[in-house]
Amino acid sequence: MTPATVRGGAAATGTVTLHGAAPAGGVSVPLTSSPAAAGVPATVDVPGGAMRATFAITTKPVAKNTHVSIGTSYGGVSKAPPLLVSRP
């Protein structure tokens, strides 16, 4: 995630990186976020031949600093890197 810490209400960017190039036609990788202090699209599309794709992360104002897991799973590998949503 860029940045790894973001003030609630601000935007961030995430990147999905595959272990190899996506097949012809690309792949759709599911995304999740928990808790709801941050939102991500349901999927991100990695184009055929590419190894990565970026996606937008939206955040909500929070009353206290909140750690959010941005989860993804593809090809039997699951990742859930943290994002810290900070209070104003």
N, C-alpha and C. Protein backbone atom coordinates (compact mmCIF):
# COMPACT_ATOMS: atom_id res chain seq x y z
N MET A 1 0.83 -1.18 0.00
CA MET A 1 0.00 0.00 0.00
C MET A 1 0.88 1.24 0.00
N THR A 2 0.41 2.24 -0.69
CA THR A 2 1.13 3.51 -0.72
C THR A 2 0.15 4.62 -0.40
N PRO A 3 0.31 5.34 0.66
CA PRO A 3 1.27 5.08 1.74
C PRO A 3 0.78 3.96 2.65
N ALA A 4 1.63 3.50 3.59
CA ALA A 4 1.25 2.43 4.51
C ALA A 4 0.36 2.96 5.63
N THR A 5 0.43 4.27 5.87
CA THR A 5 -0.45 4.94 6.82
C THR A 5 -1.14 6.07 6.09
N VAL A 6 -2.45 6.17 6.27
CA VAL A 6 -3.22 7.21 5.59
C VAL A 6 -4.23 7.80 6.58
N ARG A 7 -4.40 9.10 6.52
CA ARG A 7 -5.38 9.77 7.38
C ARG A 7 -6.78 9.41 6.91
N GLY A 8 -7.67 9.11 7.83
CA GLY A 8 -9.05 8.77 7.49
C GLY A 8 -9.67 9.82 6.59
N GLY A 9 -10.30 9.39 5.52
CA GLY A 9 -10.90 10.27 4.54
C GLY A 9 -10.02 10.51 3.33
N ALA A 10 -8.75 10.12 3.42
CA ALA A 10 -7.81 10.28 2.30
C ALA A 10 -7.77 8.98 1.48
N ALA A 11 -7.13 9.06 0.32
CA ALA A 11 -7.02 7.90 -0.57
C ALA A 11 -5.62 7.28 -0.48
N ALA A 12 -5.54 6.02 -0.85
CA ALA A 12 -4.28 5.31 -0.94
C ALA A 12 -4.33 4.44 -2.20
N THR A 13 -3.22 3.84 -2.54
CA THR A 13 -3.14 2.96 -3.70
C THR A 13 -2.55 1.63 -3.29
N GLY A 14 -3.18 0.55 -3.73
CA GLY A 14 -2.66 -0.79 -3.49
C GLY A 14 -2.15 -1.39 -4.79
N THR A 15 -1.28 -2.37 -4.66
CA THR A 15 -0.74 -3.08 -5.82
C THR A 15 -0.83 -4.58 -5.59
N VAL A 16 -1.38 -5.29 -6.55
CA VAL A 16 -1.37 -6.74 -6.56
C VAL A 16 -0.23 -7.17 -7.45
N THR A 17 0.65 -8.05 -6.94
CA THR A 17 1.77 -8.56 -7.72
C THR A 17 1.68 -10.08 -7.78
N LEU A 18 1.64 -10.62 -8.97
CA LEU A 18 1.60 -12.07 -9.17
C LEU A 18 3.02 -12.62 -9.17
N HIS A 19 3.14 -13.94 -8.96
CA HIS A 19 4.46 -14.59 -8.98
C HIS A 19 4.99 -14.79 -10.40
N GLY A 20 4.13 -14.63 -11.38
CA GLY A 20 4.52 -14.74 -12.78
C GLY A 20 3.55 -13.94 -13.61
N ALA A 21 3.79 -13.89 -14.88
CA ALA A 21 2.92 -13.12 -15.77
C ALA A 21 1.52 -13.72 -15.83
N ALA A 22 0.52 -12.86 -15.88
CA ALA A 22 -0.87 -13.32 -16.02
C ALA A 22 -1.05 -13.99 -17.38
N PRO A 23 -1.92 -14.98 -17.46
CA PRO A 23 -2.15 -15.65 -18.74
C PRO A 23 -2.82 -14.71 -19.75
N ALA A 24 -2.80 -15.10 -21.02
CA ALA A 24 -3.49 -14.32 -22.05
C ALA A 24 -4.93 -14.12 -21.62
N GLY A 25 -5.44 -12.93 -21.82
CA GLY A 25 -6.79 -12.62 -21.38
C GLY A 25 -6.84 -12.03 -19.98
N GLY A 26 -5.72 -12.14 -19.24
CA GLY A 26 -5.63 -11.56 -17.91
C GLY A 26 -6.33 -12.36 -16.84
N VAL A 27 -6.24 -11.87 -15.61
CA VAL A 27 -6.91 -12.51 -14.48
C VAL A 27 -7.58 -11.45 -13.63
N SER A 28 -8.65 -11.84 -12.99
CA SER A 28 -9.36 -10.98 -12.06
C SER A 28 -9.06 -11.49 -10.65
N VAL A 29 -8.45 -10.64 -9.83
CA VAL A 29 -8.03 -11.04 -8.49
C VAL A 29 -8.98 -10.41 -7.48
N PRO A 30 -9.60 -11.23 -6.60
CA PRO A 30 -10.53 -10.68 -5.61
C PRO A 30 -9.81 -9.89 -4.52
N LEU A 31 -10.48 -8.85 -4.01
CA LEU A 31 -9.95 -8.03 -2.94
C LEU A 31 -10.96 -7.93 -1.81
N THR A 32 -10.46 -7.81 -0.58
CA THR A 32 -11.32 -7.58 0.58
C THR A 32 -10.64 -6.58 1.50
N SER A 33 -11.42 -5.95 2.36
CA SER A 33 -10.85 -5.10 3.40
C SER A 33 -11.65 -5.28 4.67
N SER A 34 -10.94 -5.31 5.80
CA SER A 34 -11.60 -5.48 7.09
C SER A 34 -10.73 -4.84 8.16
N PRO A 35 -11.31 -4.00 9.01
CA PRO A 35 -12.70 -3.57 9.09
C PRO A 35 -13.03 -2.54 8.01
N ALA A 36 -14.22 -1.97 8.09
CA ALA A 36 -14.75 -1.12 7.03
C ALA A 36 -14.19 0.31 7.01
N ALA A 37 -13.10 0.57 7.73
CA ALA A 37 -12.50 1.90 7.70
C ALA A 37 -11.87 2.19 6.34
N ALA A 38 -11.64 1.14 5.56
CA ALA A 38 -11.09 1.30 4.21
C ALA A 38 -11.91 0.46 3.24
N GLY A 39 -12.02 0.94 2.02
CA GLY A 39 -12.77 0.23 1.00
C GLY A 39 -11.92 -0.02 -0.23
N VAL A 40 -12.12 -1.17 -0.85
CA VAL A 40 -11.40 -1.54 -2.07
C VAL A 40 -12.41 -2.06 -3.07
N PRO A 41 -12.08 -2.07 -4.36
CA PRO A 41 -12.98 -2.70 -5.33
C PRO A 41 -13.07 -4.20 -5.06
N ALA A 42 -14.11 -4.83 -5.54
CA ALA A 42 -14.29 -6.28 -5.33
C ALA A 42 -13.19 -7.08 -6.01
N THR A 43 -12.69 -6.58 -7.14
CA THR A 43 -11.62 -7.27 -7.87
C THR A 43 -10.69 -6.24 -8.51
N VAL A 44 -9.51 -6.70 -8.86
CA VAL A 44 -8.60 -5.91 -9.68
C VAL A 44 -8.16 -6.80 -10.84
N ASP A 45 -8.12 -6.24 -12.04
CA ASP A 45 -7.76 -7.01 -13.23
C ASP A 45 -6.29 -6.83 -13.56
N VAL A 46 -5.58 -7.95 -13.67
CA VAL A 46 -4.19 -7.94 -14.10
C VAL A 46 -4.20 -8.34 -15.57
N PRO A 47 -3.76 -7.44 -16.46
CA PRO A 47 -3.80 -7.74 -17.90
C PRO A 47 -2.90 -8.93 -18.27
N GLY A 48 -3.27 -9.61 -19.35
CA GLY A 48 -2.46 -10.72 -19.84
C GLY A 48 -1.02 -10.28 -20.07
N GLY A 49 -0.08 -11.08 -19.59
CA GLY A 49 1.34 -10.79 -19.75
C GLY A 49 1.91 -9.90 -18.67
N ALA A 50 1.05 -9.25 -17.88
CA ALA A 50 1.52 -8.36 -16.81
C ALA A 50 1.67 -9.15 -15.51
N MET A 51 2.46 -8.62 -14.60
CA MET A 51 2.63 -9.25 -13.30
C MET A 51 1.96 -8.47 -12.18
N ARG A 52 1.53 -7.23 -12.47
CA ARG A 52 0.94 -6.43 -11.39
C ARG A 52 -0.13 -5.49 -11.91
N ALA A 53 -0.95 -5.05 -10.97
CA ALA A 53 -1.98 -4.06 -11.26
C ALA A 53 -2.23 -3.26 -9.98
N THR A 54 -2.59 -2.01 -10.14
CA THR A 54 -2.87 -1.18 -8.98
C THR A 54 -4.38 -0.98 -8.83
N PHE A 55 -4.78 -0.61 -7.62
CA PHE A 55 -6.19 -0.35 -7.34
C PHE A 55 -6.29 0.76 -6.31
N ALA A 56 -7.42 1.45 -6.33
CA ALA A 56 -7.66 2.56 -5.41
C ALA A 56 -8.19 2.04 -4.08
N ILE A 57 -7.76 2.69 -3.00
CA ILE A 57 -8.26 2.40 -1.66
C ILE A 57 -8.88 3.69 -1.13
N THR A 58 -10.13 3.62 -0.72
CA THR A 58 -10.77 4.78 -0.10
C THR A 58 -10.82 4.54 1.41
N THR A 59 -10.78 5.61 2.17
CA THR A 59 -10.87 5.46 3.62
C THR A 59 -11.94 6.38 4.18
N LYS A 60 -12.41 6.05 5.36
CA LYS A 60 -13.40 6.84 6.06
C LYS A 60 -12.74 7.51 7.27
N PRO A 61 -13.23 8.66 7.69
CA PRO A 61 -12.72 9.25 8.92
C PRO A 61 -12.93 8.27 10.09
N VAL A 62 -11.96 8.18 10.98
CA VAL A 62 -12.03 7.26 12.10
C VAL A 62 -11.84 8.02 13.41
N ALA A 63 -12.44 7.51 14.49
CA ALA A 63 -12.31 8.15 15.80
C ALA A 63 -10.99 7.78 16.47
N LYS A 64 -10.43 6.63 16.10
CA LYS A 64 -9.13 6.20 16.64
C LYS A 64 -8.36 5.51 15.52
N ASN A 65 -7.04 5.46 15.66
CA ASN A 65 -6.23 4.79 14.65
C ASN A 65 -6.73 3.36 14.46
N THR A 66 -6.87 2.94 13.21
CA THR A 66 -7.48 1.64 12.89
C THR A 66 -6.60 0.88 11.90
N HIS A 67 -6.22 -0.34 12.28
CA HIS A 67 -5.46 -1.21 11.37
C HIS A 67 -6.44 -1.96 10.48
N VAL A 68 -6.24 -1.89 9.19
CA VAL A 68 -7.10 -2.55 8.21
C VAL A 68 -6.28 -3.57 7.44
N SER A 69 -6.83 -4.75 7.25
CA SER A 69 -6.20 -5.76 6.41
C SER A 69 -6.82 -5.68 5.02
N ILE A 70 -5.98 -5.54 4.00
CA ILE A 70 -6.42 -5.55 2.61
C ILE A 70 -6.05 -6.93 2.07
N GLY A 71 -7.06 -7.77 1.88
CA GLY A 71 -6.81 -9.16 1.53
C GLY A 71 -6.97 -9.46 0.05
N THR A 72 -6.20 -10.44 -0.40
CA THR A 72 -6.30 -10.92 -1.77
C THR A 72 -5.85 -12.38 -1.81
N SER A 73 -6.32 -13.09 -2.81
CA SER A 73 -5.94 -14.49 -2.96
C SER A 73 -5.94 -14.85 -4.43
N TYR A 74 -4.87 -15.52 -4.86
CA TYR A 74 -4.79 -15.95 -6.26
C TYR A 74 -3.81 -17.11 -6.35
N GLY A 75 -4.16 -18.12 -7.10
CA GLY A 75 -3.26 -19.24 -7.33
C GLY A 75 -2.86 -19.97 -6.06
N GLY A 76 -3.76 -20.00 -5.08
CA GLY A 76 -3.46 -20.70 -3.84
C GLY A 76 -2.65 -19.89 -2.84
N VAL A 77 -2.34 -18.65 -3.17
CA VAL A 77 -1.57 -17.78 -2.27
C VAL A 77 -2.48 -16.66 -1.79
N SER A 78 -2.53 -16.49 -0.47
CA SER A 78 -3.33 -15.42 0.13
C SER A 78 -2.41 -14.42 0.82
N LYS A 79 -2.73 -13.16 0.70
CA LYS A 79 -1.97 -12.09 1.34
C LYS A 79 -2.96 -11.12 1.97
N ALA A 80 -2.56 -10.51 3.09
CA ALA A 80 -3.39 -9.51 3.74
C ALA A 80 -2.50 -8.45 4.38
N PRO A 81 -1.85 -7.62 3.56
CA PRO A 81 -0.98 -6.60 4.12
C PRO A 81 -1.77 -5.54 4.89
N PRO A 82 -1.17 -4.96 5.92
CA PRO A 82 -1.89 -3.99 6.75
C PRO A 82 -1.84 -2.57 6.17
N LEU A 83 -2.87 -1.83 6.50
CA LEU A 83 -2.94 -0.41 6.20
C LEU A 83 -3.40 0.26 7.50
N LEU A 84 -2.70 1.29 7.94
CA LEU A 84 -3.12 2.01 9.13
C LEU A 84 -3.90 3.24 8.71
N VAL A 85 -5.17 3.32 9.13
CA VAL A 85 -6.00 4.49 8.89
C VAL A 85 -5.95 5.30 10.18
N SER A 86 -5.39 6.51 10.09
CA SER A 86 -5.20 7.31 11.30
C SER A 86 -6.31 8.34 11.47
N ARG A 87 -6.50 8.75 12.69
CA ARG A 87 -7.50 9.78 12.97
C ARG A 87 -6.94 11.14 12.61
N PRO A 88 -7.82 12.08 12.36
CA PRO A 88 -7.36 13.43 11.96
C PRO A 88 -6.55 14.11 13.04
